[in-house]
Protein backbone atom coordinates (compact mmCIF):
# COMPACT_ATOMS: atom_id res chain seq x y z
CA MET A 1 0.00 0.00 0.00
CA LYS A 2 1.35 3.42 -0.90
CA PRO A 3 2.54 5.67 1.97
CA VAL A 4 0.09 8.35 0.87
CA ARG A 5 -2.86 6.00 1.37
CA VAL A 6 -1.54 4.97 4.80
CA PHE A 7 -1.28 8.65 5.68
CA TRP A 8 -4.87 9.37 4.66
CA LEU A 9 -6.19 6.29 6.48
CA SER A 10 -4.28 7.37 9.59
CA ALA A 11 -5.69 10.88 9.25
CA LEU A 12 -9.22 9.48 8.89
CA LEU A 13 -8.88 7.32 12.01
CA LEU A 14 -7.45 10.25 13.98
CA LEU A 15 -10.31 12.43 12.77
CA VAL A 16 -12.84 9.81 13.88
CA GLY A 17 -11.08 9.58 17.23
CA GLY A 18 -11.23 13.36 17.62
CA ALA A 19 -14.94 13.40 16.79
CA LEU A 20 -15.59 10.64 19.33
CA LEU A 21 -13.58 12.57 21.90
CA ALA A 22 -15.77 15.61 21.39
CA LEU A 23 -18.88 13.42 21.56
CA GLY A 24 -17.62 11.71 24.71
CA VAL A 25 -17.35 15.06 26.48
CA CYS A 26 -21.02 15.68 25.67
CA VAL A 27 -22.49 12.33 26.73
CA GLY A 28 -23.17 11.47 30.37
CA SER A 29 -25.72 11.27 33.13
CA VAL A 30 -25.96 15.07 33.11
CA GLY A 31 -26.97 16.30 29.67
CA PHE A 32 -24.45 18.49 27.86
CA GLU A 33 -27.08 21.14 27.23
CA ASN A 34 -27.46 21.56 31.00
CA LEU A 35 -23.70 21.85 31.45
CA LEU A 36 -23.38 24.29 28.56
CA ARG A 37 -26.22 26.43 29.85
CA THR A 38 -24.58 26.57 33.27
CA LEU A 39 -21.13 27.35 31.88
CA LEU A 40 -22.40 30.14 29.60
CA ASP A 41 -24.86 31.64 32.04
CA SER A 42 -23.07 34.54 33.72
CA THR A 43 -25.82 34.73 36.35
CA ALA A 44 -25.37 31.11 37.44
CA PRO A 45 -23.88 30.62 40.92
CA ASP A 46 -20.12 30.12 40.97
CA THR A 47 -20.58 26.74 42.69
CA GLU A 48 -22.72 25.38 39.86
CA ARG A 49 -20.31 26.65 37.21
CA THR A 50 -17.37 25.09 39.06
CA ILE A 51 -19.15 21.74 39.30
CA ALA A 52 -20.09 21.84 35.61
CA TRP A 53 -16.50 22.63 34.64
CA GLN A 54 -15.18 19.81 36.85
CA ILE A 55 -17.58 17.32 35.25
CA VAL A 56 -16.13 18.16 31.84
CA THR A 57 -12.44 18.45 32.71
CA GLU A 58 -12.05 15.98 35.57
CA ILE A 59 -14.50 13.22 34.63
CA ARG A 60 -15.58 13.13 30.99
CA LEU A 61 -12.41 14.34 29.26
CA PRO A 62 -9.91 12.01 30.98
CA ARG A 63 -12.38 9.14 30.73
CA THR A 64 -12.82 9.56 26.99
CA LEU A 65 -9.08 9.99 26.43
CA GLY A 66 -8.49 6.92 28.61
CA ALA A 67 -10.96 4.87 26.58
CA TRP A 68 -9.17 5.80 23.35
CA THR A 69 -5.73 5.03 24.80
CA ALA A 70 -6.81 1.69 26.27
CA GLY A 71 -8.30 0.74 22.92
CA ALA A 72 -5.07 1.77 21.20
CA LEU A 73 -3.08 -0.48 23.55
CA LEU A 74 -5.41 -3.42 22.91
CA GLY A 75 -5.35 -2.85 19.14
CA LEU A 76 -1.55 -2.82 19.20
CA ALA A 77 -1.45 -5.96 21.35
CA GLY A 78 -3.84 -7.73 18.98
CA ALA A 79 -1.75 -6.89 15.92
CA VAL A 80 1.42 -8.09 17.68
CA ALA A 81 -0.24 -11.32 18.82
CA GLN A 82 -1.62 -12.15 15.37
CA GLY A 83 1.71 -11.48 13.69
CA LEU A 84 3.83 -13.21 16.33
CA PHE A 85 1.75 -16.38 16.44
CA ARG A 86 0.85 -16.26 12.74
CA ASN A 87 -2.79 -16.71 13.65
CA PRO A 88 -5.52 -14.26 12.56
CA LEU A 89 -7.73 -15.32 15.50
CA ALA A 90 -5.11 -14.62 18.15
CA ASP A 91 -5.62 -11.77 20.57
CA PRO A 92 -4.51 -11.05 24.15
CA TYR A 93 -7.61 -12.69 25.59
CA LEU A 94 -7.38 -15.92 23.62
CA LEU A 95 -3.74 -16.39 24.66
CA GLY A 96 -4.38 -15.95 28.36
CA SER A 97 -2.50 -12.71 28.97
CA ALA A 98 -5.63 -10.80 30.01
CA SER A 99 -6.58 -13.53 32.49
CA GLY A 100 -3.03 -13.46 33.83
CA ALA A 101 -3.20 -9.67 34.18
CA SER A 102 -6.50 -9.89 36.07
CA LEU A 103 -5.03 -12.52 38.42
CA GLY A 104 -2.04 -10.24 39.04
CA VAL A 105 -4.34 -7.34 39.94
CA ALA A 106 -6.48 -9.56 42.19
CA LEU A 107 -3.40 -10.81 44.05
CA ALA A 108 -2.08 -7.26 44.45
CA LEU A 109 -5.41 -6.07 45.85
CA ALA A 110 -5.59 -9.07 48.19
CA LEU A 111 -2.04 -8.54 49.47
CA VAL A 112 -2.49 -4.84 50.24
CA GLY A 113 -6.11 -5.12 51.38
CA GLY A 114 -8.24 -4.40 48.34
CA GLY A 115 -10.71 -1.72 49.25
CA VAL A 116 -14.27 -0.85 48.52
CA GLY A 117 -13.56 2.78 47.75
CA MET A 118 -13.70 3.88 44.15
CA VAL A 119 -11.72 7.09 44.31
CA GLY A 120 -8.65 6.37 46.36
CA SER A 121 -7.58 4.72 49.56
CA SER A 122 -9.76 4.39 52.61
CA MET A 123 -9.61 2.90 56.07
CA MET A 124 -11.40 -0.39 56.53
CA ASN A 125 -11.22 -2.71 59.54
CA GLY A 126 -8.32 -0.66 60.88
CA SER A 127 -6.11 -1.20 57.82
CA MET A 128 -5.43 0.70 54.65
CA ALA A 129 -7.75 -0.36 51.83
CA ILE A 130 -6.51 0.27 48.32
CA SER A 131 -8.84 0.80 45.41
CA MET A 132 -7.85 -0.18 41.90
CA PHE A 133 -9.43 3.10 40.81
CA SER A 134 -7.15 5.24 42.95
CA GLY A 135 -5.68 8.34 41.37
CA ASN A 136 -2.40 7.83 43.27
CA LEU A 137 0.44 7.34 40.79
CA TRP A 138 2.30 4.73 42.86
CA ILE A 139 -0.83 2.62 43.33
CA ARG A 140 -1.48 2.78 39.59
CA LEU A 141 2.12 1.80 38.86
CA GLY A 142 1.91 -1.08 41.33
CA LEU A 143 -1.27 -2.45 39.80
CA THR A 144 0.17 -2.06 36.31
CA GLY A 145 3.32 -3.92 37.36
CA ALA A 146 1.26 -6.74 38.86
CA ALA A 147 -0.83 -6.95 35.70
CA PHE A 148 2.32 -7.00 33.55
CA VAL A 149 3.90 -9.84 35.53
CA GLY A 150 0.65 -11.81 35.38
CA ALA A 151 0.31 -11.26 31.64
CA VAL A 152 3.91 -12.37 30.93
CA ALA A 153 3.50 -15.46 33.11
CA ALA A 154 0.24 -16.39 31.35
CA VAL A 155 1.73 -16.04 27.85
CA LEU A 156 4.80 -18.09 28.82
CA LEU A 157 2.58 -20.77 30.34
CA THR A 158 0.50 -20.86 27.14
CA LEU A 159 3.62 -21.22 25.01
CA THR A 160 4.94 -23.98 27.29
CA LEU A 161 1.73 -25.98 27.08
CA ALA A 162 1.53 -25.46 23.30
CA ARG A 163 5.23 -26.42 22.89
CA GLY A 164 5.96 -23.30 20.91
CA VAL A 165 4.02 -21.39 18.29
CA GLY A 166 4.23 -23.85 15.41
CA HIS A 167 0.87 -25.59 15.96
CA THR A 168 -2.03 -23.16 15.69
CA LEU A 169 -4.78 -25.36 17.13
CA ARG A 170 -2.63 -26.45 20.07
CA LEU A 171 -1.75 -22.82 20.77
CA LEU A 172 -5.38 -21.71 20.87
CA LEU A 173 -6.41 -24.66 23.03
CA ALA A 174 -3.56 -23.94 25.43
CA GLY A 175 -4.65 -20.30 25.60
CA VAL A 176 -8.23 -21.31 26.40
CA VAL A 177 -7.05 -23.71 29.13
CA VAL A 178 -4.73 -21.12 30.67
CA GLY A 179 -7.48 -18.49 30.55
CA VAL A 180 -9.97 -20.77 32.31
CA VAL A 181 -7.50 -21.87 34.98
CA LEU A 182 -6.30 -18.34 35.71
CA GLY A 183 -9.88 -17.06 35.72
CA ALA A 184 -10.79 -19.71 38.30
CA SER A 185 -7.69 -18.75 40.30
CA THR A 186 -8.83 -15.12 40.29
CA SER A 187 -12.24 -16.17 41.63
CA LEU A 188 -10.51 -18.22 44.33
CA VAL A 189 -8.40 -15.24 45.39
CA LEU A 190 -11.51 -13.09 45.65
CA LEU A 191 -13.27 -15.79 47.65
CA PHE A 192 -10.56 -15.63 50.31
CA SER A 193 -10.29 -11.84 50.09
CA PRO A 194 -13.86 -10.51 50.18
CA ASP A 195 -12.60 -6.96 50.77
CA SER A 196 -11.37 -6.96 47.17
CA LEU A 197 -14.64 -8.20 45.68
CA GLN A 198 -16.39 -4.86 45.21
CA ALA A 199 -13.28 -3.23 43.76
CA MET A 200 -12.99 -6.12 41.28
CA GLN A 201 -16.61 -6.10 40.12
CA ALA A 202 -16.21 -3.19 37.72
CA PHE A 203 -12.82 -4.61 36.74
CA MET A 204 -14.30 -7.96 35.68
CA LEU A 205 -17.05 -6.27 33.65
CA GLY A 206 -14.72 -3.69 32.11
CA SER A 207 -15.27 -0.01 32.77
CA THR A 208 -13.67 3.31 31.93
CA ALA A 209 -15.79 5.18 34.46
CA PHE A 210 -12.96 5.66 36.95
CA VAL A 211 -10.14 6.54 34.56
CA GLY A 212 -8.63 9.86 35.63
CA TRP A 213 -5.71 11.94 34.44
CA THR A 214 -3.17 9.74 36.25
CA ALA A 215 -4.41 6.54 34.64
CA TRP A 216 -4.58 8.19 31.22
CA ALA A 217 -1.03 9.56 31.52
CA LEU A 218 0.27 6.11 32.49
CA MET A 219 -1.49 4.41 29.57
CA ALA A 220 -0.32 7.10 27.16
CA ALA A 221 3.31 6.68 28.26
CA VAL A 222 3.13 2.89 27.89
CA TRP A 223 1.44 3.22 24.49
CA LEU A 224 4.17 5.50 23.18
CA GLY A 225 6.91 3.18 24.45
CA SER A 226 5.21 0.02 23.20
CA MET A 227 4.50 1.54 19.80
CA ALA A 228 8.14 2.59 19.45
CA ALA A 229 9.34 -0.91 20.39
CA ALA A 230 6.84 -2.56 18.04
CA TRP A 231 7.91 -0.21 15.23
CA VAL A 232 11.52 -1.34 15.67
CA LEU A 233 10.58 -5.04 15.89
CA ALA A 234 8.14 -5.01 12.96
CA ARG A 235 10.64 -6.64 10.56
CA VAL A 236 10.53 -9.77 12.73
CA LEU A 237 6.79 -10.10 12.14
CA ASP A 238 7.29 -9.53 8.41
CA GLY A 239 9.89 -12.31 8.41
CA LEU A 240 7.67 -14.69 10.37
CA SER A 241 4.83 -14.10 7.92
CA LEU A 242 7.03 -15.77 5.29
CA GLY A 243 7.67 -18.78 7.53
CA GLU A 244 10.01 -19.48 10.40
CA SER A 245 12.70 -21.04 8.21
CA THR A 246 12.65 -18.00 5.93
CA ALA A 247 12.95 -15.66 8.91
CA ILE A 248 15.98 -17.61 10.15
CA SER A 249 17.55 -17.53 6.68
CA LEU A 250 17.20 -13.74 6.73
CA GLY A 251 19.49 -13.69 9.75
CA LEU A 252 16.87 -12.71 12.31
CA PRO A 253 17.67 -13.84 15.90
CA LEU A 254 14.17 -15.12 16.55
CA ALA A 255 14.48 -16.14 20.22
CA PRO A 256 15.39 -12.74 21.72
CA LEU A 257 13.19 -10.82 19.29
CA ARG A 258 10.20 -13.04 20.09
CA ALA A 259 10.84 -12.44 23.77
CA ALA A 260 10.85 -8.69 23.15
CA LEU A 261 7.57 -8.91 21.23
CA ILE A 262 6.01 -10.98 24.02
CA GLY A 263 7.11 -8.22 26.39
CA VAL A 264 5.37 -5.60 24.22
CA LEU A 265 2.24 -7.77 24.09
CA ALA A 266 2.19 -8.33 27.85
CA LEU A 267 2.96 -4.70 28.77
CA SER A 268 0.28 -3.30 26.44
CA THR A 269 -2.34 -5.78 27.62
CA GLY A 270 -1.40 -5.53 31.28
CA THR A 271 -1.52 -1.74 31.31
CA ALA A 272 -4.90 -1.55 29.60
CA VAL A 273 -6.37 -4.28 31.81
CA ALA A 274 -4.99 -2.73 35.00
CA GLN A 275 -6.67 0.61 34.26
CA THR A 276 -9.96 -0.37 32.62
CA GLY A 277 -10.56 -4.04 33.46
CA LEU A 278 -11.41 -6.84 31.05
CA ILE A 279 -12.58 -5.40 27.74
CA ALA A 280 -12.91 -8.13 25.15
CA PHE A 281 -12.58 -8.40 21.36
CA VAL A 282 -11.08 -4.95 20.66
CA GLY A 283 -7.65 -6.52 20.14
CA LEU A 284 -9.13 -9.12 17.81
CA ALA A 285 -11.33 -6.87 15.71
CA ALA A 286 -9.01 -3.89 15.16
CA PRO A 287 -6.34 -5.65 13.01
CA HIS A 288 -9.04 -7.43 11.00
CA LEU A 289 -10.81 -4.17 10.21
CA VAL A 290 -7.53 -2.64 9.07
CA ARG A 291 -6.72 -5.63 6.85
CA ALA A 292 -10.18 -5.37 5.31
CA VAL A 293 -9.34 -1.96 3.87
CA ALA A 294 -5.55 -2.03 3.53
CA LYS A 295 -2.89 -4.65 2.82
CA VAL A 296 0.13 -3.25 4.65
CA PRO A 297 3.34 -4.54 6.27
CA HIS A 298 3.31 -5.08 10.01
CA ARG A 299 4.89 -1.73 10.81
CA GLN A 300 1.95 0.15 9.30
CA LEU A 301 -0.51 -2.52 10.41
CA MET A 302 0.36 -2.11 14.09
CA TRP A 303 0.05 1.67 13.84
CA LEU A 304 -3.29 1.54 12.05
CA ALA A 305 -4.64 -1.25 14.28
CA SER A 306 -3.77 0.87 17.31
CA LEU A 307 -5.68 3.84 15.91
CA MET A 308 -8.57 1.55 14.99
CA GLY A 309 -8.64 0.03 18.48
CA GLY A 310 -8.75 3.49 20.02
CA ALA A 311 -11.67 4.50 17.83
CA LEU A 312 -13.53 1.24 18.54
CA LEU A 313 -13.26 1.43 22.33
CA CYS A 314 -13.92 5.17 22.44
CA GLY A 315 -17.05 4.66 20.33
CA ALA A 316 -18.16 1.72 22.50
CA ASP A 317 -17.65 3.81 25.64
CA VAL A 318 -19.78 6.64 24.27
CA LEU A 319 -22.46 4.14 23.22
CA ALA A 320 -22.41 2.47 26.65
CA ARG A 321 -23.08 5.84 28.29
CA TRP A 322 -25.83 6.83 25.84
CA LEU A 323 -27.94 3.67 25.41
CA ILE A 324 -29.67 3.68 28.81
CA ALA A 325 -28.78 7.22 29.98
CA PRO A 326 -28.68 8.44 32.71
CA GLN A 327 -27.54 4.92 33.64
CA GLU A 328 -24.73 3.28 31.72
CA LEU A 329 -23.68 -0.18 30.58
CA PRO A 330 -20.27 -1.63 31.45
CA VAL A 331 -18.28 -1.08 28.28
CA GLY A 332 -16.75 -4.56 28.56
CA VAL A 333 -20.21 -6.12 28.32
CA LEU A 334 -21.00 -4.08 25.21
CA THR A 335 -17.73 -4.94 23.44
CA ALA A 336 -18.21 -8.62 24.31
CA VAL A 337 -21.66 -8.68 22.73
CA LEU A 338 -20.64 -6.72 19.62
CA GLY A 339 -17.26 -8.44 19.33
CA GLY A 340 -18.74 -11.89 19.79
CA GLY A 341 -21.15 -11.23 16.95
CA TYR A 342 -18.29 -10.00 14.77
CA LEU A 343 -16.22 -13.11 15.55
CA LEU A 344 -19.11 -15.42 14.65
CA TRP A 345 -19.62 -13.54 11.37
CA LEU A 346 -15.91 -13.74 10.62
CA MET A 347 -15.83 -17.49 11.27
CA HIS A 348 -18.93 -17.99 9.10
CA ARG A 349 -17.37 -16.02 6.26
CA ARG A 350 -14.13 -18.00 6.43
CA THR A 351 -16.01 -21.31 6.52
CA ARG A 352 -18.15 -20.29 3.56
CA ALA A 353 -15.10 -19.16 1.58
CA SER A 354 -13.30 -22.45 2.28
CA HIS A 355 -16.34 -24.44 1.12
CA GLN A 356 -16.60 -22.43 -2.08
CA GLY A 357 -12.89 -22.90 -2.69
CA GLY A 358 -13.30 -26.65 -2.23
CA LEU A 359 -16.15 -26.76 -4.71
CA LEU A 360 -14.09 -24.87 -7.25
């Protein structure tokens, strides 16, 4: 694909993301017209104007930016996973890294006394209770680190059970097994640490409602670093797409480069999961949607899939807030329903194409 077309597709996705950002600032339990009237009314009490301004700048804006950035991380992770494992159905969730990240967060909350508060730390039963939605930078970094370690461990366990990446079916089955086992382990941790249960509820359903400026800044920093690393390592994925023997003949040191790509996959997934919870199918759908409109090398694919993932999750977040306003749906539930339908359609299309090819 010509660089000019990649540029225009990137510009289009960024424009869509900007439009969704503006829409996200307008959608919420308090109608935007009420906020705008309060902000523009010079006779309105200063308290009301301050509250209206805080709703926009401290709640809706960081939340919408956080939704886009989390989607960008998941889109990048999905493109890396599909290229690394040479499997178009691979994504962070199917390979167990998201389940590993959730187990890491659950263990961290249990060890420090996972709290019921949703905005920071609180005192409970005489001890410090830590919320996964705290705005404290060190708490966010700790949860992200725990999610990263869990994601790396899950991917390595999947690769061990699958005996490498050469057998696609074995790899997917190993990912399913690891995901189920780690999911059960997370439930067991919560059973023995009931103080963490309420803090984990929104996490398990997936939500961007408690993403603040600290969480967004952390995700943005990780996205920039992961994108830079993936950009450098893209030639490995291009080599693997030609076959492992071809990649070796090109002089690529596959073992360390694969390890670096697994690190990018785990860090991207772990960071997004630690801040927004389990949000399914974004990492799977974003690369497929890009491939549907553009045949590009992995360097451009990862960039475009990241932009696509950001637009998808930002749009889903806005839709989740609007459908049953003033209430809202957990965005993870919405992406699971929409993404599950997309996956079924994709499988049906592939099956139909294979049957037609057999008849011909």
